[in-house]
């Protein structure tokens, strides 16, 4: 697919302009309704599996992993929540655990420190630290010891891609991820992220060396 010759170039747009379009802003009310509905479904999942395990992997308030265990010696899926690295929480994405758990897969939901309290470099490092702790305790948490499958949505998709270099990760499935951060760096979203060009390139999965 080629870019239309008259398409605007985001590089020439002021940061405040690289943001939601009018039609997107009109859909915010619908998105809020959908978010409330998804939050309710996540609440129901957490209540159904109230005996979950809460694993701390670092000193931060959000450095926790909720492990929803359905079987012993089962595969483990780690899910990373979205929210442009600066909002949302692992608890509100518990509904994504229903599908894998129905197939006998244990699901872990990881939290991480949000921007601007943490830089993107620090957030990526937290995800790797969480994976290391989860892998080290896998056998006691019902894992099969064959490595962790990582998945995530939006910003979580980006973090999934950045986690693939971890030796404890056997596979990954990034959903609607953000793989080139340069447009983000030039948008209103960078107010909290504070990315410079070096950090943008360092944390863009598309810019990582092949095979990393």
Protein backbone atom coordinates (compact mmCIF):
# COMPACT_ATOMS: atom_id res chain seq x y z
CA UNK A 1 0.00 0.00 0.00
CA UNK A 2 1.46 3.36 -1.04
CA UNK A 3 1.00 6.67 0.79
CA UNK A 4 -1.28 9.14 -1.08
CA UNK A 5 0.74 11.97 -2.62
CA UNK A 6 -1.31 14.55 -0.72
CA UNK A 7 -1.13 12.80 2.67
CA UNK A 8 0.08 15.15 5.46
CA UNK A 9 3.59 14.53 6.80
CA UNK A 10 3.45 14.12 10.60
CA UNK A 11 7.08 15.33 10.81
CA UNK A 12 5.94 18.80 9.77
CA UNK A 13 3.06 18.96 12.22
CA UNK A 14 3.20 20.64 15.60
CA UNK A 15 3.12 18.08 18.47
CA UNK A 16 -0.32 19.25 19.59
CA UNK A 17 -1.58 18.45 16.10
CA UNK A 18 -0.32 14.88 16.01
CA UNK A 19 -3.18 13.63 18.13
CA UNK A 20 -6.79 12.56 17.99
CA UNK A 21 -8.72 13.73 14.93
CA UNK A 22 -12.17 15.30 15.32
CA UNK A 23 -13.91 12.07 14.40
CA UNK A 24 -11.80 10.25 16.99
CA UNK A 25 -12.68 12.78 19.65
CA UNK A 26 -16.36 12.29 18.86
CA UNK A 27 -15.92 8.60 19.56
CA UNK A 28 -14.49 9.12 23.04
CA UNK A 29 -17.89 8.79 24.69
CA UNK A 30 -18.41 5.42 23.05
CA UNK A 31 -14.92 4.36 24.07
CA UNK A 32 -15.65 5.29 27.68
CA UNK A 33 -18.78 3.14 27.61
CA UNK A 34 -16.83 0.24 26.14
CA UNK A 35 -14.10 0.69 28.75
CA UNK A 36 -16.65 0.51 31.58
CA UNK A 37 -18.08 -2.66 30.06
CA UNK A 38 -14.63 -4.25 29.78
CA UNK A 39 -13.81 -3.18 33.34
CA UNK A 40 -16.95 -4.95 34.57
CA UNK A 41 -15.97 -8.12 32.72
CA UNK A 42 -12.48 -7.97 34.20
CA UNK A 43 -13.98 -7.56 37.68
CA UNK A 44 -16.03 -10.71 37.10
CA UNK A 45 -12.94 -12.68 36.07
CA UNK A 46 -11.00 -11.55 39.14
CA UNK A 47 -13.90 -12.54 41.40
CA UNK A 48 -14.15 -15.92 39.74
CA UNK A 49 -10.47 -16.58 40.38
CA UNK A 50 -10.21 -14.86 43.76
CA UNK A 51 -7.50 -17.26 44.96
CA UNK A 52 -4.94 -15.81 42.53
CA UNK A 53 -1.27 -15.42 43.37
CA UNK A 54 0.24 -11.95 43.78
CA UNK A 55 3.94 -11.93 42.88
CA UNK A 56 6.19 -8.93 43.57
CA UNK A 57 9.11 -8.48 41.18
CA UNK A 58 10.48 -5.05 42.11
CA UNK A 59 10.28 -2.15 44.60
CA UNK A 60 7.72 -0.07 42.69
CA UNK A 61 4.06 0.07 43.69
CA UNK A 62 3.04 -1.41 40.33
CA UNK A 63 5.83 -4.00 40.24
CA UNK A 64 3.44 -6.89 40.78
CA UNK A 65 2.28 -9.86 38.74
CA UNK A 66 -1.11 -11.47 39.24
CA UNK A 67 -0.93 -15.18 38.41
CA UNK A 68 -4.21 -16.90 37.52
CA UNK A 69 -3.50 -20.61 37.82
CA UNK A 70 -5.75 -23.24 36.28
CA UNK A 71 -3.44 -26.26 36.08
CA UNK A 72 -0.12 -27.74 37.19
CA UNK A 73 2.76 -28.04 34.74
CA UNK A 74 0.87 -25.87 32.28
CA UNK A 75 2.10 -23.30 29.77
CA UNK A 76 2.32 -19.73 31.09
CA UNK A 77 1.13 -16.66 29.19
CA UNK A 78 2.24 -13.25 30.45
CA UNK A 79 -0.08 -10.43 29.36
CA UNK A 80 1.09 -6.78 29.28
CA UNK A 81 -1.60 -4.09 29.43
CA UNK A 82 -1.86 -1.09 27.12
CA UNK A 83 -2.52 2.59 27.74
CA UNK A 84 0.30 4.43 25.89
CA UNK A 85 2.66 3.55 28.78
CA UNK A 86 0.97 6.23 30.90
CA UNK A 87 -2.42 4.92 32.02
CA UNK A 88 -4.55 1.81 32.64
CA UNK A 89 -3.61 -1.11 34.90
CA UNK A 90 -3.20 -4.89 34.78
CA UNK A 91 -6.43 -5.45 36.75
CA UNK A 92 -8.61 -3.95 34.02
CA UNK A 93 -7.30 -6.44 31.46
CA UNK A 94 -8.15 -9.59 33.41
CA UNK A 95 -10.86 -10.47 30.88
CA UNK A 96 -8.12 -11.34 28.37
CA UNK A 97 -7.22 -14.30 30.59
CA UNK A 98 -10.50 -16.12 29.96
CA UNK A 99 -9.61 -17.55 26.54
CA UNK A 100 -6.18 -18.98 27.40
CA UNK A 101 -7.39 -20.30 30.76
CA UNK A 102 -10.23 -22.14 29.03
CA UNK A 103 -7.49 -24.09 27.21
CA UNK A 104 -5.55 -24.95 30.36
CA UNK A 105 -3.02 -22.13 30.12
CA UNK A 106 -1.97 -20.26 33.26
CA UNK A 107 -2.12 -16.49 32.79
CA UNK A 108 0.01 -13.84 34.47
CA UNK A 109 -0.92 -10.14 34.31
CA UNK A 110 2.03 -7.79 34.84
CA UNK A 111 1.91 -4.22 36.08
CA UNK A 112 4.60 -1.60 35.47
CA UNK A 113 5.40 1.94 36.55
CA UNK A 114 3.71 4.49 34.31
CA UNK A 115 5.21 7.55 32.64
CA UNK A 116 6.19 10.18 33.64
CA UNK A 117 7.18 8.47 36.89
CA UNK A 118 9.26 6.07 34.80
CA UNK A 119 11.01 6.54 31.47
CA UNK A 120 10.36 4.09 28.65
CA UNK A 121 13.83 2.63 29.21
CA UNK A 122 12.85 1.94 32.81
CA UNK A 123 9.47 0.48 31.83
CA UNK A 124 11.13 -1.94 29.39
CA UNK A 125 13.63 -2.90 32.10
CA UNK A 126 10.77 -3.56 34.52
CA UNK A 127 9.09 -5.93 32.06
CA UNK A 128 12.35 -7.87 31.70
CA UNK A 129 12.76 -7.99 35.49
CA UNK A 130 9.20 -9.27 35.86
CA UNK A 131 9.79 -12.00 33.29
CA UNK A 132 12.98 -13.09 35.08
CA UNK A 133 11.19 -13.38 38.44
CA UNK A 134 8.20 -15.18 36.93
CA UNK A 135 10.47 -17.65 35.13
CA UNK A 136 12.53 -18.29 38.26
CA UNK A 137 9.41 -19.17 40.23
CA UNK A 138 7.59 -20.88 37.36
CA UNK A 139 7.67 -24.42 38.73
CA UNK A 140 6.14 -23.33 42.03
CA UNK A 141 3.44 -21.40 40.20
CA UNK A 142 2.23 -24.30 38.08
CA UNK A 143 4.41 -23.58 35.05
CA UNK A 144 5.77 -26.28 32.74
CA UNK A 145 9.32 -24.89 32.82
CA UNK A 146 9.45 -24.50 29.04
CA UNK A 147 9.61 -20.71 28.99
CA UNK A 148 7.02 -17.97 28.96
CA UNK A 149 4.82 -16.79 26.10
CA UNK A 150 4.36 -13.02 26.19
CA UNK A 151 1.46 -11.06 24.75
CA UNK A 152 0.10 -7.56 25.06
CA UNK A 153 -2.12 -4.95 23.47
CA UNK A 154 -1.16 -1.48 22.15
CA UNK A 155 1.66 -0.23 24.42
CA UNK A 156 1.65 -3.78 25.75
CA UNK A 157 2.22 -4.97 22.18
CA UNK A 158 5.27 -2.72 22.01
CA UNK A 159 6.55 -4.07 25.33
CA UNK A 160 5.92 -7.60 24.09
CA UNK A 161 8.20 -6.96 21.13
CA UNK A 162 10.85 -5.47 23.42
CA UNK A 163 10.63 -8.57 25.65
CA UNK A 164 11.41 -11.07 22.90
CA UNK A 165 15.14 -10.74 23.54
CA UNK A 166 14.69 -12.13 27.07
CA UNK A 167 16.06 -15.70 27.19
CA UNK A 168 13.10 -16.78 29.32
CA UNK A 169 10.64 -15.91 26.54
CA UNK A 170 9.81 -18.75 24.18
CA UNK A 171 7.36 -16.83 21.95
CA UNK A 172 5.39 -13.61 21.73
CA UNK A 173 2.17 -12.31 20.23
CA UNK A 174 1.96 -8.52 19.99
CA UNK A 175 -1.56 -7.14 19.44
CA UNK A 176 -1.94 -3.71 17.79
CA UNK A 177 1.51 -2.76 19.03
CA UNK A 178 3.47 0.44 18.43
CA UNK A 179 6.73 -0.52 16.75
CA UNK A 180 8.12 2.82 15.56
CA UNK A 181 8.16 5.49 18.29
CA UNK A 182 9.19 8.44 16.14
CA UNK A 183 5.56 9.54 15.48
CA UNK A 184 4.94 9.20 19.24
CA UNK A 185 7.96 11.38 19.97
CA UNK A 186 6.51 14.13 17.79
CA UNK A 187 3.03 13.93 19.33
CA UNK A 188 1.26 15.16 22.44
CA UNK A 189 1.90 11.75 24.01
CA UNK A 190 5.56 12.63 24.43
CA UNK A 191 4.75 15.24 27.09
CA UNK A 192 4.80 12.45 29.67
CA UNK A 193 7.13 10.04 27.90
CA UNK A 194 9.91 12.60 27.34
CA UNK A 195 11.50 10.64 24.50
CA UNK A 196 14.48 12.09 22.66
CA UNK A 197 15.64 10.66 19.33
CA UNK A 198 18.11 8.25 20.91
CA UNK A 199 15.52 6.85 23.35
CA UNK A 200 12.98 6.60 20.54
CA UNK A 201 15.33 4.55 18.37
CA UNK A 202 16.53 2.46 21.30
CA UNK A 203 12.97 1.47 22.20
CA UNK A 204 11.50 1.06 18.71
CA UNK A 205 11.20 -2.65 17.88
CA UNK A 206 11.48 -1.82 14.16
CA UNK A 207 14.92 -0.33 14.78
CA UNK A 208 16.37 -3.25 16.74
CA UNK A 209 19.16 -5.31 15.14
CA UNK A 210 17.90 -8.39 13.35
CA UNK A 211 17.78 -11.44 15.55
CA UNK A 212 18.09 -9.51 18.79
